[in-house]
Amino acid sequence: MTTKPGTEEYAPYYGKYVTLVPEGDIVATLASQINETLALLRAIPEEKGWHAYAPGKWSIKQSLGHLIDTERIMAYRALRIARHDKTALAGFEQDDFVAHSDFNARTLADLIEEFAVVRQATLHLLKHLRAVDWEQMGIASENPVTARALAYIIAGHELYHRELFTSRYLA
């Protein structure tokens, strides 16, 4: 899939993610950007995994756990929608997901490995979608969304958080 989704394919909130993604094959983009993100994450010393850039903000480990959880949820939504499932899909509260996890008890290396595995699963799902599947519209978080938009949201969400890691956590 080589064209970005139109704004009618996702809720306005997700525009900040979709606009970060360059034009081109979204599967190739997802495959290449993971290497850059993994290189950034693997350069972080284990002891810095607890670091939060401000009081009340997530630690690096929690932010990475959030990336993992969000990619799983968005890929699940893409699967359901691409398979022409018309069931409205519920939203999720990211702060609750982080609060009810134990990301800080895990090693940074383990979280990085899980992130890579989740991305591989996402890539395997997306690379086998047919053209008609990418354009399927469903409902998630009470808003219309296409499978294509979800792939761009995954990519843009990663880029958004990579910038946060660089500018706020590692600056």
C-alpha atoms as a PDB file:
ATOM      1  CA  MET A   1       0.000   0.000   0.000  1.00  0.00           C
ATOM      2  CA  THR A   2       1.670   3.181  -1.132  1.00  0.00           C
ATOM      3  CA  THR A   3      -0.762   6.004  -0.511  1.00  0.00           C
ATOM      4  CA  LYS A   4      -1.467   7.712   2.770  1.00  0.00           C
ATOM      5  CA  PRO A   5      -4.981   7.454   4.120  1.00  0.00           C
ATOM      6  CA  GLY A   6      -7.278  10.411   3.677  1.00  0.00           C
ATOM      7  CA  THR A   7      -8.418  12.281   6.765  1.00  0.00           C
ATOM      8  CA  GLU A   8     -11.835  10.610   6.454  1.00  0.00           C
ATOM      9  CA  GLU A   9     -10.144   7.278   7.230  1.00  0.00           C
ATOM     10  CA  TYR A  10      -9.253   8.065  10.847  1.00  0.00           C
ATOM     11  CA  ALA A  11     -10.261  10.236  13.788  1.00  0.00           C
ATOM     12  CA  PRO A  12      -8.676  13.707  13.919  1.00  0.00           C
ATOM     13  CA  TYR A  13      -6.678  12.738  17.026  1.00  0.00           C
ATOM     14  CA  TYR A  14      -4.559  10.357  14.937  1.00  0.00           C
ATOM     15  CA  GLY A  15      -3.595  13.029  12.420  1.00  0.00           C
ATOM     16  CA  LYS A  16      -0.547  13.916  14.500  1.00  0.00           C
ATOM     17  CA  TYR A  17       0.758  10.389  13.884  1.00  0.00           C
ATOM     18  CA  VAL A  18      -0.264   9.913  10.257  1.00  0.00           C
ATOM     19  CA  THR A  19       1.374  13.184   9.179  1.00  0.00           C
ATOM     20  CA  LEU A  20       4.749  12.012  10.539  1.00  0.00           C
ATOM     21  CA  VAL A  21       4.880   9.061   8.145  1.00  0.00           C
ATOM     22  CA  PRO A  22       6.532   9.628   4.760  1.00  0.00           C
ATOM     23  CA  GLU A  23       4.842   8.689   1.493  1.00  0.00           C
ATOM     24  CA  GLY A  24       5.661   5.240   0.205  1.00  0.00           C
ATOM     25  CA  ASP A  25       5.012   1.603   0.917  1.00  0.00           C
ATOM     26  CA  ILE A  26       3.805   1.481   4.530  1.00  0.00           C
ATOM     27  CA  VAL A  27       5.002  -2.092   5.064  1.00  0.00           C
ATOM     28  CA  ALA A  28       8.499  -1.127   3.892  1.00  0.00           C
ATOM     29  CA  THR A  29       8.352   1.950   6.130  1.00  0.00           C
ATOM     30  CA  LEU A  30       7.396  -0.146   9.162  1.00  0.00           C
ATOM     31  CA  ALA A  31      10.170  -2.637   8.371  1.00  0.00           C
ATOM     32  CA  SER A  32      12.865   0.023   8.040  1.00  0.00           C
ATOM     33  CA  GLN A  33      11.873   2.296  10.908  1.00  0.00           C
ATOM     34  CA  ILE A  34      12.012  -0.509  13.455  1.00  0.00           C
ATOM     35  CA  ASN A  35      15.746  -0.834  12.804  1.00  0.00           C
ATOM     36  CA  GLU A  36      16.288   2.833  13.631  1.00  0.00           C
ATOM     37  CA  THR A  37      14.163   2.620  16.765  1.00  0.00           C
ATOM     38  CA  LEU A  38      15.880  -0.569  17.923  1.00  0.00           C
ATOM     39  CA  ALA A  39      19.299   1.035  17.437  1.00  0.00           C
ATOM     40  CA  LEU A  40      18.205   4.008  19.550  1.00  0.00           C
ATOM     41  CA  LEU A  41      16.747   1.814  22.296  1.00  0.00           C
ATOM     42  CA  ARG A  42      19.679  -0.608  22.404  1.00  0.00           C
ATOM     43  CA  ALA A  43      22.037   2.318  23.024  1.00  0.00           C
ATOM     44  CA  ILE A  44      20.216   3.186  26.272  1.00  0.00           C
ATOM     45  CA  PRO A  45      22.012   1.800  29.347  1.00  0.00           C
ATOM     46  CA  GLU A  46      19.882  -0.598  31.396  1.00  0.00           C
ATOM     47  CA  GLU A  47      20.066   1.616  34.489  1.00  0.00           C
ATOM     48  CA  LYS A  48      18.511   4.503  32.548  1.00  0.00           C
ATOM     49  CA  GLY A  49      15.363   2.430  31.838  1.00  0.00           C
ATOM     50  CA  TRP A  50      13.787   3.829  35.015  1.00  0.00           C
ATOM     51  CA  HIS A  51      14.326   7.435  33.908  1.00  0.00           C
ATOM     52  CA  ALA A  52      11.275   9.671  33.468  1.00  0.00           C
ATOM     53  CA  TYR A  53      11.862  13.134  32.023  1.00  0.00           C
ATOM     54  CA  ALA A  54       9.520  14.822  34.537  1.00  0.00           C
ATOM     55  CA  PRO A  55       7.541  13.920  37.665  1.00  0.00           C
ATOM     56  CA  GLY A  56       4.400  11.978  36.799  1.00  0.00           C
ATOM     57  CA  LYS A  57       5.694  10.989  33.350  1.00  0.00           C
ATOM     58  CA  TRP A  58       6.307   7.404  32.305  1.00  0.00           C
ATOM     59  CA  SER A  59       9.763   5.903  32.547  1.00  0.00           C
ATOM     60  CA  ILE A  60      11.594   4.779  29.410  1.00  0.00           C
ATOM     61  CA  LYS A  61      10.510   1.197  30.202  1.00  0.00           C
ATOM     62  CA  GLN A  62       6.884   2.247  30.625  1.00  0.00           C
ATOM     63  CA  SER A  63       6.956   4.262  27.400  1.00  0.00           C
ATOM     64  CA  LEU A  64       8.354   1.279  25.539  1.00  0.00           C
ATOM     65  CA  GLY A  65       5.709  -0.971  27.108  1.00  0.00           C
ATOM     66  CA  HIS A  66       3.085   1.528  25.952  1.00  0.00           C
ATOM     67  CA  LEU A  67       4.477   1.317  22.403  1.00  0.00           C
ATOM     68  CA  ILE A  68       4.232  -2.477  22.529  1.00  0.00           C
ATOM     69  CA  ASP A  69       0.669  -2.484  23.864  1.00  0.00           C
ATOM     70  CA  THR A  70      -0.501   0.146  21.402  1.00  0.00           C
ATOM     71  CA  GLU A  71       0.995  -1.623  18.405  1.00  0.00           C
ATOM     72  CA  ARG A  72      -0.700  -4.871  19.455  1.00  0.00           C
ATOM     73  CA  ILE A  73      -4.061  -3.135  19.783  1.00  0.00           C
ATOM     74  CA  MET A  74      -3.760  -1.252  16.489  1.00  0.00           C
ATOM     75  CA  ALA A  75      -2.636  -4.413  14.657  1.00  0.00           C
ATOM     76  CA  TYR A  76      -5.566  -6.327  16.169  1.00  0.00           C
ATOM     77  CA  ARG A  77      -7.918  -3.606  14.957  1.00  0.00           C
ATOM     78  CA  ALA A  78      -6.325  -3.755  11.502  1.00  0.00           C
ATOM     79  CA  LEU A  79      -6.800  -7.538  11.432  1.00  0.00           C
ATOM     80  CA  ARG A  80     -10.463  -7.337  12.389  1.00  0.00           C
ATOM     81  CA  ILE A  81     -11.199  -4.545   9.925  1.00  0.00           C
ATOM     82  CA  ALA A  82      -9.169  -6.082   7.081  1.00  0.00           C
ATOM     83  CA  ARG A  83     -11.134  -9.297   7.534  1.00  0.00           C
ATOM     84  CA  HIS A  84     -14.319  -7.282   6.946  1.00  0.00           C
ATOM     85  CA  ASP A  85     -15.504  -7.571  10.554  1.00  0.00           C
ATOM     86  CA  LYS A  86     -18.106  -4.862  11.116  1.00  0.00           C
ATOM     87  CA  THR A  87     -18.092  -5.168  14.923  1.00  0.00           C
ATOM     88  CA  ALA A  88     -17.404  -1.834  16.610  1.00  0.00           C
ATOM     89  CA  LEU A  89     -14.109  -2.150  18.478  1.00  0.00           C
ATOM     90  CA  ALA A  90     -13.725  -0.634  21.919  1.00  0.00           C
ATOM     91  CA  GLY A  91     -11.174   1.980  22.816  1.00  0.00           C
ATOM     92  CA  PHE A  92      -8.524   1.585  25.487  1.00  0.00           C
ATOM     93  CA  GLU A  93      -7.166   3.828  28.186  1.00  0.00           C
ATOM     94  CA  GLN A  94      -3.393   3.981  27.777  1.00  0.00           C
ATOM     95  CA  ASP A  95      -2.765   5.250  31.311  1.00  0.00           C
ATOM     96  CA  ASP A  96      -4.668   2.291  32.780  1.00  0.00           C
ATOM     97  CA  PHE A  97      -2.697  -0.132  30.630  1.00  0.00           C
ATOM     98  CA  VAL A  98       0.600   1.277  31.928  1.00  0.00           C
ATOM     99  CA  ALA A  99      -0.665   1.499  35.516  1.00  0.00           C
ATOM    100  CA  HIS A 100      -1.682  -2.169  35.459  1.00  0.00           C
ATOM    101  CA  SER A 101       1.528  -3.433  33.962  1.00  0.00           C
ATOM    102  CA  ASP A 102       4.874  -4.112  35.531  1.00  0.00           C
ATOM    103  CA  PHE A 103       7.104  -2.734  32.799  1.00  0.00           C
ATOM    104  CA  ASN A 104       9.529  -1.223  35.321  1.00  0.00           C
ATOM    105  CA  ALA A 105      10.165  -4.677  36.830  1.00  0.00           C
ATOM    106  CA  ARG A 106      11.363  -6.012  33.478  1.00  0.00           C
ATOM    107  CA  THR A 107      14.730  -5.446  31.886  1.00  0.00           C
ATOM    108  CA  LEU A 108      15.008  -2.904  29.149  1.00  0.00           C
ATOM    109  CA  ALA A 109      16.590  -5.598  26.968  1.00  0.00           C
ATOM    110  CA  ASP A 110      13.542  -7.840  27.405  1.00  0.00           C
ATOM    111  CA  LEU A 111      11.160  -5.034  26.464  1.00  0.00           C
ATOM    112  CA  ILE A 112      13.260  -4.195  23.405  1.00  0.00           C
ATOM    113  CA  GLU A 113      13.151  -7.832  22.309  1.00  0.00           C
ATOM    114  CA  GLU A 114       9.368  -7.921  22.751  1.00  0.00           C
ATOM    115  CA  PHE A 115       8.994  -4.725  20.740  1.00  0.00           C
ATOM    116  CA  ALA A 116      10.955  -6.298  17.867  1.00  0.00           C
ATOM    117  CA  VAL A 117       8.846  -9.473  17.996  1.00  0.00           C
ATOM    118  CA  VAL A 118       5.574  -7.540  18.023  1.00  0.00           C
ATOM    119  CA  ARG A 119       6.730  -5.538  14.993  1.00  0.00           C
ATOM    120  CA  GLN A 120       7.604  -8.742  13.154  1.00  0.00           C
ATOM    121  CA  ALA A 121       4.094 -10.045  13.841  1.00  0.00           C
ATOM    122  CA  THR A 122       2.606  -6.767  12.579  1.00  0.00           C
ATOM    123  CA  LEU A 123       4.689  -6.952   9.412  1.00  0.00           C
ATOM    124  CA  HIS A 124       3.627 -10.537   8.741  1.00  0.00           C
ATOM    125  CA  LEU A 125      -0.014  -9.512   9.077  1.00  0.00           C
ATOM    126  CA  LEU A 126       0.204  -6.414   6.906  1.00  0.00           C
ATOM    127  CA  LYS A 127       2.362  -7.747   4.085  1.00  0.00           C
ATOM    128  CA  HIS A 128      -0.290 -10.304   3.192  1.00  0.00           C
ATOM    129  CA  LEU A 129      -3.282  -7.962   3.029  1.00  0.00           C
ATOM    130  CA  ARG A 130      -5.004  -7.597  -0.332  1.00  0.00           C
ATOM    131  CA  ALA A 131      -5.747  -4.178  -1.831  1.00  0.00           C
ATOM    132  CA  VAL A 132      -9.417  -4.506  -0.881  1.00  0.00           C
ATOM    133  CA  ASP A 133      -8.457  -5.297   2.722  1.00  0.00           C
ATOM    134  CA  TRP A 134      -6.450  -2.097   3.163  1.00  0.00           C
ATOM    135  CA  GLU A 135      -9.486  -0.024   2.240  1.00  0.00           C
ATOM    136  CA  GLN A 136     -11.938  -1.716   4.589  1.00  0.00           C
ATOM    137  CA  MET A 137     -13.600   0.730   6.973  1.00  0.00           C
ATOM    138  CA  GLY A 138     -14.491  -0.234  10.506  1.00  0.00           C
ATOM    139  CA  ILE A 139     -15.237   1.445  13.809  1.00  0.00           C
ATOM    140  CA  ALA A 140     -12.698   1.692  16.628  1.00  0.00           C
ATOM    141  CA  SER A 141     -13.013   3.945  19.663  1.00  0.00           C
ATOM    142  CA  GLU A 142     -16.363   5.117  18.250  1.00  0.00           C
ATOM    143  CA  ASN A 143     -14.719   6.488  15.091  1.00  0.00           C
ATOM    144  CA  PRO A 144     -14.404   5.232  11.524  1.00  0.00           C
ATOM    145  CA  VAL A 145     -10.970   3.889  10.599  1.00  0.00           C
ATOM    146  CA  THR A 146      -9.493   1.859   7.758  1.00  0.00           C
ATOM    147  CA  ALA A 147      -6.930  -0.917   7.972  1.00  0.00           C
ATOM    148  CA  ARG A 148      -4.603   1.342   5.966  1.00  0.00           C
ATOM    149  CA  ALA A 149      -4.970   4.170   8.477  1.00  0.00           C
ATOM    150  CA  LEU A 150      -4.167   1.805  11.332  1.00  0.00           C
ATOM    151  CA  ALA A 151      -0.879   0.811   9.674  1.00  0.00           C
ATOM    152  CA  TYR A 152       0.027   4.502   9.345  1.00  0.00           C
ATOM    153  CA  ILE A 153      -1.012   5.154  12.944  1.00  0.00           C
ATOM    154  CA  ILE A 154       1.326   2.372  14.118  1.00  0.00           C
ATOM    155  CA  ALA A 155       4.216   3.877  12.137  1.00  0.00           C
ATOM    156  CA  GLY A 156       3.484   7.448  13.212  1.00  0.00           C
ATOM    157  CA  HIS A 157       3.007   6.499  16.853  1.00  0.00           C
ATOM    158  CA  GLU A 158       6.447   4.903  16.841  1.00  0.00           C
ATOM    159  CA  LEU A 159       7.987   7.991  15.200  1.00  0.00           C
ATOM    160  CA  TYR A 160       6.258  10.246  17.729  1.00  0.00           C
ATOM    161  CA  HIS A 161       7.662   8.292  20.659  1.00  0.00           C
ATOM    162  CA  ARG A 162      11.103   7.965  19.078  1.00  0.00           C
ATOM    163  CA  GLU A 163      11.223  11.762  19.001  1.00  0.00           C
ATOM    164  CA  LEU A 164      10.189  11.878  22.675  1.00  0.00           C
ATOM    165  CA  PHE A 165      12.935   9.416  23.570  1.00  0.00           C
ATOM    166  CA  THR A 166      15.486  11.571  21.749  1.00  0.00           C
ATOM    167  CA  SER A 167      14.319  15.010  22.845  1.00  0.00           C
ATOM    168  CA  ARG A 168      13.089  14.407  26.388  1.00  0.00           C
ATOM    169  CA  TYR A 169      14.406  11.138  27.772  1.00  0.00           C
ATOM    170  CA  LEU A 170      17.906  11.120  26.332  1.00  0.00           C
ATOM    171  CA  ALA A 171      18.603  14.859  25.956  1.00  0.00           C
END
